[in-house]
N, C-alpha and C. Protein backbone atom coordinates (compact mmCIF):
# COMPACT_ATOMS: atom_id res chain seq x y z
N MET A 1 0.88 -1.02 -0.05
CA MET A 1 -0.04 -0.01 -0.03
C MET A 1 0.91 1.15 0.06
N LYS A 2 0.21 2.20 -0.52
CA LYS A 2 1.02 3.67 -0.39
C LYS A 2 0.89 4.24 0.86
N ALA A 3 1.72 5.09 1.24
CA ALA A 3 1.68 5.76 2.48
C ALA A 3 2.68 6.96 2.43
N VAL A 4 2.46 8.00 3.42
CA VAL A 4 3.17 8.84 3.57
C VAL A 4 3.86 8.89 4.95
N GLY A 5 5.25 8.87 5.33
CA GLY A 5 5.87 8.83 6.35
C GLY A 5 7.08 9.38 6.59
N LEU A 6 7.81 9.08 7.70
CA LEU A 6 9.25 9.52 7.74
C LEU A 6 10.10 8.60 8.78
N TYR A 7 11.28 8.86 8.53
CA TYR A 7 12.30 8.19 9.53
C TYR A 7 13.01 9.17 10.27
N LYS A 8 13.12 10.42 9.78
CA LYS A 8 13.77 11.56 10.50
C LYS A 8 12.63 12.77 10.72
N TYR A 9 12.67 13.32 11.92
CA TYR A 9 11.67 14.37 12.15
C TYR A 9 12.44 15.73 11.75
N LEU A 10 12.33 15.96 10.41
CA LEU A 10 13.16 17.22 9.77
C LEU A 10 12.23 18.42 9.65
N PRO A 11 12.69 19.61 9.52
CA PRO A 11 11.87 20.76 9.25
C PRO A 11 11.11 20.64 8.05
N LEU A 12 10.08 21.33 7.96
CA LEU A 12 9.11 21.10 7.02
C LEU A 12 9.82 21.70 5.35
N THR A 13 10.96 22.61 5.73
CA THR A 13 11.67 23.05 4.62
C THR A 13 12.52 21.95 3.78
N ASP A 14 12.82 21.00 4.61
CA ASP A 14 13.64 19.93 4.10
C ASP A 14 12.86 19.02 2.97
N PRO A 15 13.14 18.81 2.07
CA PRO A 15 12.67 17.90 0.96
C PRO A 15 12.28 16.52 1.36
N ASN A 16 13.03 16.07 2.31
CA ASN A 16 12.77 14.54 2.98
C ASN A 16 12.04 14.45 4.29
N CYS A 17 11.47 15.62 4.50
CA CYS A 17 10.62 15.52 5.79
C CYS A 17 9.58 14.64 5.82
N LEU A 18 9.05 14.38 4.54
CA LEU A 18 7.84 13.14 4.50
C LEU A 18 8.15 12.59 3.17
N LEU A 19 7.93 11.38 3.29
CA LEU A 19 8.48 10.41 2.32
C LEU A 19 7.25 9.59 1.75
N ASP A 20 7.17 9.33 0.34
CA ASP A 20 6.14 8.47 -0.36
C ASP A 20 6.65 6.95 -0.07
N LEU A 21 6.03 6.11 0.44
CA LEU A 21 6.48 4.73 0.69
C LEU A 21 5.54 3.74 0.34
N GLU A 22 6.13 2.58 0.16
CA GLU A 22 5.54 1.43 -0.33
C GLU A 22 5.60 0.40 1.17
N LEU A 23 4.39 0.16 1.57
CA LEU A 23 4.70 -0.77 2.90
C LEU A 23 3.45 -2.01 2.66
N ASN A 24 3.54 -2.90 3.48
CA ASN A 24 2.54 -4.04 3.31
C ASN A 24 1.21 -3.58 4.09
N LEU A 25 0.27 -4.27 3.80
CA LEU A 25 -1.06 -4.14 4.35
C LEU A 25 -1.03 -4.28 5.87
N PRO A 26 -1.48 -3.61 6.88
CA PRO A 26 -1.57 -3.81 8.12
C PRO A 26 -2.14 -4.91 8.65
N MET A 27 -1.62 -6.06 9.35
CA MET A 27 -2.36 -7.02 9.91
C MET A 27 -3.42 -6.58 10.91
N ILE A 28 -4.47 -7.11 10.90
CA ILE A 28 -5.45 -6.82 11.78
C ILE A 28 -5.48 -7.78 13.03
N LYS A 29 -5.78 -7.37 14.31
CA LYS A 29 -6.02 -8.35 15.39
C LYS A 29 -7.47 -8.70 15.45
N LYS A 30 -7.83 -9.62 16.45
CA LYS A 30 -9.18 -10.05 16.64
C LYS A 30 -10.25 -8.91 16.63
N ASP A 31 -9.99 -7.89 17.30
CA ASP A 31 -10.70 -6.91 17.82
C ASP A 31 -10.66 -5.49 16.85
N GLU A 32 -9.92 -5.63 15.80
CA GLU A 32 -9.75 -4.77 14.90
C GLU A 32 -10.35 -4.76 13.64
N VAL A 33 -10.53 -3.67 12.85
CA VAL A 33 -11.21 -3.51 11.49
C VAL A 33 -10.04 -2.92 10.50
N LEU A 34 -9.91 -3.28 9.43
CA LEU A 34 -9.12 -2.62 8.39
C LEU A 34 -10.06 -1.65 7.70
N VAL A 35 -9.43 -0.53 7.66
CA VAL A 35 -10.40 0.70 6.90
C VAL A 35 -9.60 1.12 5.70
N GLU A 36 -10.29 1.26 4.48
CA GLU A 36 -9.52 1.51 3.46
C GLU A 36 -9.81 3.28 3.58
N VAL A 37 -8.82 3.92 3.59
CA VAL A 37 -8.91 5.51 3.95
C VAL A 37 -9.40 6.23 2.77
N LYS A 38 -10.41 7.00 2.92
CA LYS A 38 -10.89 7.79 1.95
C LYS A 38 -10.61 9.30 2.05
N ALA A 39 -10.29 9.85 3.43
CA ALA A 39 -10.22 10.92 3.70
C ALA A 39 -9.53 11.14 5.15
N ILE A 40 -8.52 12.07 5.01
CA ILE A 40 -7.81 12.40 6.43
C ILE A 40 -7.98 13.90 6.95
N SER A 41 -7.76 14.34 8.21
CA SER A 41 -7.64 15.62 8.63
C SER A 41 -6.42 15.60 9.41
N VAL A 42 -6.04 17.04 9.38
CA VAL A 42 -4.42 16.88 10.09
C VAL A 42 -5.07 17.68 11.62
N ASN A 43 -4.67 16.83 12.49
CA ASN A 43 -5.02 17.12 13.75
C ASN A 43 -3.62 17.72 14.52
N PRO A 44 -4.00 18.81 15.49
CA PRO A 44 -2.86 19.35 15.98
C PRO A 44 -1.61 18.38 16.50
N ILE A 45 -2.10 17.20 16.97
CA ILE A 45 -1.22 16.11 17.48
C ILE A 45 -0.44 15.69 16.38
N ASP A 46 -0.72 15.73 15.14
CA ASP A 46 0.00 15.45 14.00
C ASP A 46 1.33 16.38 13.64
N THR A 47 0.76 17.78 13.85
CA THR A 47 2.01 18.73 13.58
C THR A 47 2.97 18.65 14.98
N LYS A 48 2.49 18.48 16.06
CA LYS A 48 3.31 18.29 17.12
C LYS A 48 4.26 17.19 17.24
N LEU A 49 3.84 16.00 16.72
CA LEU A 49 4.53 14.65 16.62
C LEU A 49 5.61 14.73 15.47
N ARG A 50 5.24 15.79 14.66
CA ARG A 50 5.86 15.63 13.32
C ARG A 50 7.16 16.56 13.46
N SER A 51 7.01 17.24 14.35
CA SER A 51 8.09 18.74 14.62
C SER A 51 9.46 18.30 14.81
N PRO A 52 10.52 18.95 14.23
CA PRO A 52 11.87 18.42 14.31
C PRO A 52 12.24 18.03 15.61
N LYS A 53 12.92 16.87 15.64
CA LYS A 53 13.60 16.50 16.84
C LYS A 53 14.72 15.38 16.43
N PRO A 54 15.77 15.08 17.40
CA PRO A 54 16.60 14.27 16.97
C PRO A 54 16.52 12.92 16.65
N ILE A 55 15.18 12.18 17.21
CA ILE A 55 15.14 10.87 16.75
C ILE A 55 15.13 10.46 15.57
N ILE A 56 15.66 9.10 15.26
CA ILE A 56 15.58 8.46 14.03
C ILE A 56 14.84 7.38 14.08
N GLU A 57 13.62 6.97 13.38
CA GLU A 57 12.86 5.71 13.35
C GLU A 57 13.50 4.65 12.82
N THR A 58 13.58 3.45 13.26
CA THR A 58 14.17 2.34 12.48
C THR A 58 13.16 1.51 11.43
N SER A 59 11.69 1.93 11.68
CA SER A 59 10.89 1.56 10.71
C SER A 59 10.08 2.97 10.26
N PRO A 60 9.42 3.06 9.19
CA PRO A 60 8.77 4.25 9.01
C PRO A 60 7.60 4.46 9.82
N ARG A 61 7.70 5.67 10.37
CA ARG A 61 6.51 6.30 10.96
C ARG A 61 5.45 6.86 10.22
N ILE A 62 4.43 6.42 10.39
CA ILE A 62 3.17 6.93 9.48
C ILE A 62 2.23 7.83 10.32
N LEU A 63 2.30 9.06 10.21
CA LEU A 63 1.31 9.96 11.02
C LEU A 63 -0.02 9.78 10.36
N GLY A 64 -0.81 10.81 11.16
CA GLY A 64 -2.15 11.03 10.80
C GLY A 64 -3.09 10.21 11.48
N TRP A 65 -3.94 10.61 12.33
CA TRP A 65 -4.84 9.75 13.30
C TRP A 65 -6.39 9.97 13.15
N ASP A 66 -6.73 10.94 12.53
CA ASP A 66 -8.14 11.27 12.17
C ASP A 66 -8.54 11.08 10.72
N GLY A 67 -9.48 10.33 10.39
CA GLY A 67 -9.87 9.94 9.03
C GLY A 67 -11.11 9.38 9.00
N SER A 68 -11.50 8.84 7.57
CA SER A 68 -12.61 8.29 7.30
C SER A 68 -12.40 7.21 6.19
N GLY A 69 -13.26 6.37 5.98
CA GLY A 69 -13.19 5.60 4.90
C GLY A 69 -14.11 4.28 5.03
N THR A 70 -13.92 3.21 4.45
CA THR A 70 -14.68 1.94 4.33
C THR A 70 -14.07 0.59 4.82
N VAL A 71 -14.83 0.12 6.01
CA VAL A 71 -14.38 -1.05 6.40
C VAL A 71 -14.27 -2.24 5.14
N VAL A 72 -12.92 -2.75 5.16
CA VAL A 72 -12.73 -3.89 4.15
C VAL A 72 -12.11 -5.04 4.84
N GLY A 73 -11.99 -5.01 6.04
CA GLY A 73 -11.66 -6.45 6.73
C GLY A 73 -11.99 -6.27 8.16
N ARG A 74 -12.23 -7.33 8.95
CA ARG A 74 -12.49 -7.40 10.30
C ARG A 74 -12.08 -8.51 11.09
N GLY A 75 -11.71 -8.43 12.14
CA GLY A 75 -11.29 -9.58 13.13
C GLY A 75 -12.29 -10.25 13.56
N ASP A 76 -11.88 -11.50 13.77
CA ASP A 76 -12.92 -12.54 14.38
C ASP A 76 -13.64 -11.99 15.51
N GLY A 77 -13.25 -10.96 16.44
CA GLY A 77 -13.82 -10.71 17.58
C GLY A 77 -14.85 -9.40 17.41
N CYS A 78 -14.56 -8.75 16.26
CA CYS A 78 -15.33 -7.62 15.89
C CYS A 78 -16.77 -7.84 15.83
N LYS A 79 -17.65 -6.82 16.61
CA LYS A 79 -18.93 -7.08 16.92
C LYS A 79 -19.91 -5.82 16.30
N ILE A 80 -19.16 -4.71 16.00
CA ILE A 80 -19.90 -3.43 15.77
C ILE A 80 -19.86 -3.23 14.14
N PHE A 81 -18.89 -3.35 13.43
CA PHE A 81 -18.86 -3.13 12.19
C PHE A 81 -18.74 -4.27 11.15
N ASN A 82 -19.13 -4.21 9.86
CA ASN A 82 -18.92 -5.21 8.94
C ASN A 82 -18.33 -4.54 7.54
N ILE A 83 -17.82 -5.62 6.93
CA ILE A 83 -17.21 -5.11 5.64
C ILE A 83 -18.07 -4.44 4.77
N GLY A 84 -17.64 -3.08 4.59
CA GLY A 84 -18.46 -2.23 3.37
C GLY A 84 -19.18 -1.20 4.39
N ASP A 85 -18.87 -1.17 5.46
CA ASP A 85 -19.63 -0.10 6.36
C ASP A 85 -18.75 1.19 6.14
N PRO A 86 -19.34 2.37 6.15
CA PRO A 86 -18.75 3.79 5.89
C PRO A 86 -18.38 4.09 7.39
N VAL A 87 -17.21 4.75 7.78
CA VAL A 87 -16.86 4.93 8.95
C VAL A 87 -15.98 6.19 9.04
N PHE A 88 -15.82 6.61 10.22
CA PHE A 88 -14.91 7.82 10.69
C PHE A 88 -14.10 7.19 11.92
N PHE A 89 -12.62 7.84 12.05
CA PHE A 89 -12.10 7.36 13.06
C PHE A 89 -11.15 8.28 13.69
N THR A 90 -10.62 8.04 14.88
CA THR A 90 -9.36 8.41 15.57
C THR A 90 -8.38 7.18 15.67
N GLY A 91 -7.11 7.61 15.51
CA GLY A 91 -6.20 6.41 15.58
C GLY A 91 -5.59 6.06 17.11
N ASP A 92 -4.53 5.36 17.19
CA ASP A 92 -3.96 5.15 18.18
C ASP A 92 -2.45 5.54 18.19
N LEU A 93 -1.98 6.53 18.98
CA LEU A 93 -0.72 7.02 18.66
C LEU A 93 0.43 6.01 18.75
N ARG A 94 0.21 4.80 19.19
CA ARG A 94 1.20 3.75 19.41
C ARG A 94 1.35 2.89 18.04
N LYS A 95 0.33 3.10 17.12
CA LYS A 95 0.39 2.48 15.83
C LYS A 95 0.37 3.27 14.76
N ASN A 96 0.68 2.99 13.55
CA ASN A 96 0.85 3.61 12.35
C ASN A 96 -0.45 4.52 12.14
N GLY A 97 -0.69 5.57 11.60
CA GLY A 97 -1.64 6.25 11.25
C GLY A 97 -2.31 6.43 10.15
N SER A 98 -3.17 7.26 9.74
CA SER A 98 -4.05 7.29 8.74
C SER A 98 -3.50 7.85 7.21
N ASN A 99 -2.19 8.11 7.38
CA ASN A 99 -1.68 8.91 6.14
C ASN A 99 -1.37 7.73 5.22
N ALA A 100 -2.23 6.82 4.91
CA ALA A 100 -1.76 5.54 4.25
C ALA A 100 -3.08 5.10 3.59
N GLN A 101 -2.91 4.23 2.62
CA GLN A 101 -4.31 3.68 1.96
C GLN A 101 -5.00 2.86 2.80
N TYR A 102 -4.50 2.02 3.83
CA TYR A 102 -5.24 1.39 4.81
C TYR A 102 -4.82 1.61 6.36
N VAL A 103 -5.48 1.46 7.06
CA VAL A 103 -5.18 1.65 8.51
C VAL A 103 -5.90 0.43 9.36
N ALA A 104 -5.27 -0.09 10.33
CA ALA A 104 -5.75 -1.16 11.08
C ALA A 104 -6.27 -0.34 12.45
N LEU A 105 -7.40 -0.55 13.17
CA LEU A 105 -7.94 0.06 14.07
C LEU A 105 -8.67 -0.79 15.04
N ASN A 106 -8.61 -0.50 16.26
CA ASN A 106 -9.52 -1.26 17.38
C ASN A 106 -10.78 -0.81 17.20
N GLU A 107 -11.90 -1.56 16.97
CA GLU A 107 -13.04 -0.87 16.46
C GLU A 107 -13.98 0.08 17.64
N ILE A 108 -13.18 0.14 18.72
CA ILE A 108 -13.73 1.10 19.63
C ILE A 108 -13.29 2.58 19.21
N MET A 109 -12.58 2.59 18.31
CA MET A 109 -11.95 3.97 17.96
C MET A 109 -12.48 4.35 16.55
N VAL A 110 -13.66 3.66 16.19
CA VAL A 110 -14.40 3.78 14.97
C VAL A 110 -15.62 3.96 15.22
N GLY A 111 -16.38 5.14 14.44
CA GLY A 111 -17.82 5.29 14.33
C GLY A 111 -18.38 5.31 13.05
N SER A 112 -19.79 5.19 13.17
CA SER A 112 -20.35 4.95 11.85
C SER A 112 -20.47 6.37 11.19
N LYS A 113 -20.12 6.51 9.88
CA LYS A 113 -20.06 7.90 8.96
C LYS A 113 -21.60 8.26 9.05
N PRO A 114 -21.89 9.48 9.50
CA PRO A 114 -23.36 10.01 9.07
C PRO A 114 -23.35 9.98 7.78
N LYS A 115 -24.79 9.39 7.27
CA LYS A 115 -25.11 9.49 5.95
C LYS A 115 -25.24 10.87 5.10
N ASN A 116 -25.45 12.00 6.04
CA ASN A 116 -25.44 13.01 5.40
C ASN A 116 -24.13 13.88 5.27
N LEU A 117 -22.89 13.29 5.62
CA LEU A 117 -21.75 13.91 5.61
C LEU A 117 -20.75 13.11 4.51
N THR A 118 -20.09 13.94 3.82
CA THR A 118 -19.06 13.27 2.96
C THR A 118 -17.96 12.79 3.74
N PHE A 119 -17.21 11.97 3.03
CA PHE A 119 -15.84 11.23 3.66
C PHE A 119 -15.07 12.36 4.34
N GLU A 120 -14.77 13.55 3.45
CA GLU A 120 -13.88 14.49 3.92
C GLU A 120 -14.60 15.20 5.17
N GLU A 121 -16.00 15.40 5.25
CA GLU A 121 -16.33 16.34 6.26
C GLU A 121 -16.36 15.26 7.61
N ALA A 122 -16.59 14.06 7.45
CA ALA A 122 -16.34 13.05 8.60
C ALA A 122 -15.10 12.86 9.06
N ALA A 123 -14.08 12.97 8.27
CA ALA A 123 -12.56 13.14 8.77
C ALA A 123 -12.45 14.14 9.68
N ALA A 124 -12.78 15.16 9.38
CA ALA A 124 -12.76 16.54 9.98
C ALA A 124 -13.55 16.61 11.32
N MET A 125 -14.63 16.01 11.48
CA MET A 125 -15.49 16.00 12.46
C MET A 125 -14.74 15.64 13.65
N ILE A 126 -13.87 14.72 13.74
CA ILE A 126 -12.90 14.20 15.13
C ILE A 126 -12.07 15.44 15.39
N VAL A 127 -11.61 16.08 14.69
CA VAL A 127 -10.51 17.40 14.84
C VAL A 127 -11.64 18.40 15.51
N ASN A 128 -12.86 18.41 14.99
CA ASN A 128 -13.72 19.48 15.69
C ASN A 128 -14.05 19.21 17.15
N HIS A 129 -14.24 17.67 17.18
CA HIS A 129 -14.74 17.35 18.38
C HIS A 129 -13.72 17.48 19.68
N GLN A 130 -12.47 17.55 19.42
CA GLN A 130 -11.73 17.55 20.53
C GLN A 130 -11.49 18.71 21.16
């Protein structure tokens, strides 16, 4: 899958501050759903975590925690969402984020996308709620 991430926390003026990456699809656990990401929003936590610092990651760090999309996979323990459900979500700072084609999420971090909202509006709804 395609993703945008980083290894080094560089200034935004550096052309290598964000990288186009090819990664494997995330593996889902029994209580997780796999969401095909349709839209993301930029949360203030994204800018804070991406800010320059001397840390170098050993595997790519995919930022972005708020977004929306469609459930395309689910673990055996999932009880709320089904494949094909349109959803919006906030992620887990300990895992890769939504700046990717797919994201694995614990289903308690996911909500049903309101029918009257676009995917873009639903992705922004999380940021506005915080």
